[in-house]
Amino acid sequence: MPAPRMRTTPLPGIGVQYDLTTREHRHLSVIAHRDGTRSVNVYRSDDPDACAQSLHLTEPETASLIDALRPTHHSPSVLHTTDLGLVAERIELAAQAHWNGRLLGDTRMRTETGVSIVAVLRRAEAIPSPAPDFRLAGGDTLIVIGTREGVDAAATILGRE
């Protein structure tokens, strides 16, 4: 199968547009905006210049889509899955999160979800095995490990505003 055709077009003041024509002669484009967001556009098959659908994705949504499209690569959010059903994942703590400025122990994460917070990434620093008296900050990335259900519950708790 020949390589798909990809064309790149700079969009001054906006970002870069990537156009792809698939083997089925469908036209797709992704606009990488300078603010980190992405627009994914799918064009009509009967008129490849007419956009049929456009989705605007945030940076985290874009990362999730990349994970779904390339599950065999080293994913930025899913770190490891074992045959035992354990998942390690990165969960970012938003600046407006309820837990911003609060102690890690106050989350009762292990008690409530069965998930362990094994490290916190803060700027360029990694804090392994943070103690219950560790103070969380907006922008922290928590490395958690547990069951899929537990990790999902942890993400819900940590995302609370």
Protein backbone atom coordinates (compact mmCIF):
# COMPACT_ATOMS: atom_id res chain seq x y z
CA MET A 1 0.00 0.00 0.00
CA PRO A 2 1.48 3.41 -0.92
CA ALA A 3 2.11 5.96 1.81
CA PRO A 4 -0.80 8.34 2.38
CA ARG A 5 -0.46 11.81 0.91
CA MET A 6 0.12 14.47 3.56
CA ARG A 7 0.43 18.16 2.83
CA THR A 8 1.47 20.80 5.37
CA THR A 9 0.38 24.43 5.08
CA PRO A 10 1.56 27.19 7.46
CA LEU A 11 -1.32 29.39 8.64
CA PRO A 12 0.30 32.66 9.80
CA GLY A 13 -1.00 33.76 13.17
CA ILE A 14 -3.03 30.54 13.55
CA GLY A 15 -0.75 27.49 13.33
CA VAL A 16 -0.26 24.73 10.78
CA GLN A 17 -2.79 22.79 8.71
CA TYR A 18 -2.08 19.14 7.89
CA ASP A 19 -4.11 17.69 5.01
CA LEU A 20 -4.36 13.95 4.46
CA THR A 21 -5.91 12.08 1.57
CA THR A 22 -6.69 8.50 2.55
CA ARG A 23 -6.44 5.41 0.35
CA GLU A 24 -10.22 5.72 -0.09
CA HIS A 25 -9.65 9.26 -1.44
CA ARG A 26 -11.21 10.90 1.64
CA HIS A 27 -9.90 14.32 2.66
CA LEU A 28 -9.10 14.97 6.32
CA SER A 29 -7.31 17.92 7.86
CA VAL A 30 -5.97 18.83 11.27
CA ILE A 31 -5.26 22.41 12.20
CA ALA A 32 -2.65 22.63 14.96
CA HIS A 33 -3.45 25.96 16.58
CA ARG A 34 -0.70 27.95 18.27
CA ASP A 35 -2.53 27.70 21.62
CA GLY A 36 -2.15 23.88 21.59
CA THR A 37 -5.73 23.07 20.56
CA ARG A 38 -6.56 21.16 17.39
CA SER A 39 -9.36 21.26 14.85
CA VAL A 40 -10.08 17.98 13.08
CA ASN A 41 -12.02 18.36 9.83
CA VAL A 42 -13.62 15.68 7.68
CA TYR A 43 -14.63 16.64 4.16
CA ARG A 44 -17.51 15.35 2.07
CA SER A 45 -16.72 12.43 -0.23
CA ASP A 46 -18.72 13.94 -3.10
CA ASP A 47 -16.96 17.31 -2.71
CA PRO A 48 -13.52 17.08 -1.07
CA ASP A 49 -13.43 20.88 -0.63
CA ALA A 50 -16.65 20.97 1.44
CA CYS A 51 -16.22 20.31 5.16
CA ALA A 52 -18.82 17.85 6.46
CA GLN A 53 -17.73 17.80 10.11
CA SER A 54 -15.35 19.84 12.26
CA LEU A 55 -14.29 19.08 15.83
CA HIS A 56 -12.32 21.46 18.05
CA LEU A 57 -10.21 19.55 20.61
CA THR A 58 -8.42 20.79 23.73
CA GLU A 59 -4.82 19.70 24.37
CA PRO A 60 -5.88 16.85 26.73
CA GLU A 61 -8.54 15.69 24.24
CA THR A 62 -5.91 15.71 21.50
CA ALA A 63 -3.58 13.59 23.65
CA SER A 64 -6.41 11.12 24.32
CA LEU A 65 -7.18 10.86 20.61
CA ILE A 66 -3.50 10.20 19.87
CA ASP A 67 -3.55 7.45 22.51
CA ALA A 68 -6.55 5.87 20.84
CA LEU A 69 -5.02 6.06 17.37
CA ARG A 70 -1.59 4.78 18.42
CA PRO A 71 -2.17 2.38 21.33
CA THR A 72 1.10 0.52 20.76
CA HIS A 73 3.31 3.55 21.38
CA HIS A 74 4.34 4.91 24.76
CA SER A 75 1.19 6.74 25.69
CA PRO A 76 1.47 10.03 27.62
CA SER A 77 -1.45 9.07 29.88
CA VAL A 78 -1.55 5.26 30.15
CA LEU A 79 1.82 4.12 31.45
CA HIS A 80 1.42 0.37 31.93
CA THR A 81 -1.20 -2.35 32.01
CA THR A 82 -0.53 -5.83 33.34
CA ASP A 83 -2.31 -9.15 33.07
CA LEU A 84 -3.34 -8.61 36.68
CA GLY A 85 -5.70 -5.81 35.65
CA LEU A 86 -3.64 -2.96 37.08
CA VAL A 87 -3.25 0.35 35.29
CA ALA A 88 -0.83 3.19 35.97
CA GLU A 89 -1.94 6.56 34.69
CA ARG A 90 -1.11 10.26 34.85
CA ILE A 91 -3.84 12.54 36.20
CA GLU A 92 -3.33 16.30 36.06
CA LEU A 93 -4.62 18.43 38.90
CA ALA A 94 -6.24 21.58 37.54
CA ALA A 95 -5.52 24.96 39.12
CA GLN A 96 -9.21 25.32 40.03
CA ALA A 97 -9.44 21.80 41.51
CA HIS A 98 -10.83 21.40 45.01
CA TRP A 99 -7.55 19.74 46.07
CA ASN A 100 -5.27 22.61 44.99
CA GLY A 101 -3.32 23.62 48.13
CA ARG A 102 -4.67 20.72 50.21
CA LEU A 103 -2.88 17.75 51.71
CA LEU A 104 -2.63 14.50 49.75
CA GLY A 105 -3.92 12.53 52.76
CA ASP A 106 -7.13 14.59 52.73
CA THR A 107 -8.09 12.99 49.40
CA ARG A 108 -8.42 9.57 51.14
CA MET A 109 -7.53 8.22 47.71
CA ARG A 110 -6.54 4.68 48.71
CA THR A 111 -9.49 4.32 51.10
CA GLU A 112 -12.05 5.68 48.61
CA THR A 113 -10.77 4.10 45.36
CA GLY A 114 -8.10 1.51 46.19
CA VAL A 115 -5.69 3.55 44.06
CA SER A 116 -2.18 4.49 45.18
CA ILE A 117 -0.52 7.77 44.26
CA VAL A 118 3.03 6.62 43.58
CA ALA A 119 4.56 9.91 42.43
CA VAL A 120 3.80 13.55 41.75
CA LEU A 121 5.34 15.42 38.84
CA ARG A 122 5.70 19.13 39.52
CA ARG A 123 7.33 21.27 36.84
CA ALA A 124 10.65 19.51 36.11
CA GLU A 125 10.71 17.64 39.44
CA ALA A 126 9.41 14.18 40.35
CA ILE A 127 8.37 13.47 43.93
CA PRO A 128 8.29 9.69 44.43
CA SER A 129 6.04 8.16 47.10
CA PRO A 130 4.55 11.41 48.40
CA ALA A 131 3.55 11.26 52.06
CA PRO A 132 0.03 12.08 53.31
CA ASP A 133 1.27 15.53 54.43
CA PHE A 134 2.39 16.41 50.88
CA ARG A 135 0.60 19.59 49.73
CA LEU A 136 -0.93 19.33 46.24
CA ALA A 137 -0.74 22.22 43.76
CA GLY A 138 -2.59 23.05 40.56
CA GLY A 139 -0.61 21.79 37.59
CA ASP A 140 0.71 18.75 39.48
CA THR A 141 0.54 15.48 37.58
CA LEU A 142 -0.21 12.55 39.86
CA ILE A 143 0.99 9.08 38.88
CA VAL A 144 -1.64 6.65 40.14
CA ILE A 145 -1.88 2.87 40.03
CA GLY A 146 -4.90 0.66 40.58
CA THR A 147 -7.71 -1.06 38.75
CA ARG A 148 -9.26 0.67 35.73
CA GLU A 149 -12.36 1.43 37.81
CA GLY A 150 -10.26 2.78 40.67
CA VAL A 151 -8.19 5.01 38.40
CA ASP A 152 -11.37 6.37 36.80
CA ALA A 153 -12.80 7.08 40.27
CA ALA A 154 -9.53 8.78 41.28
CA ALA A 155 -9.70 11.00 38.20
CA THR A 156 -13.25 11.99 39.14
CA ILE A 157 -12.25 12.82 42.74
CA LEU A 158 -9.15 14.76 41.68
CA GLY A 159 -11.11 16.66 39.02
CA ARG A 160 -13.61 17.93 41.58
CA GLU A 161 -13.82 21.74 41.63
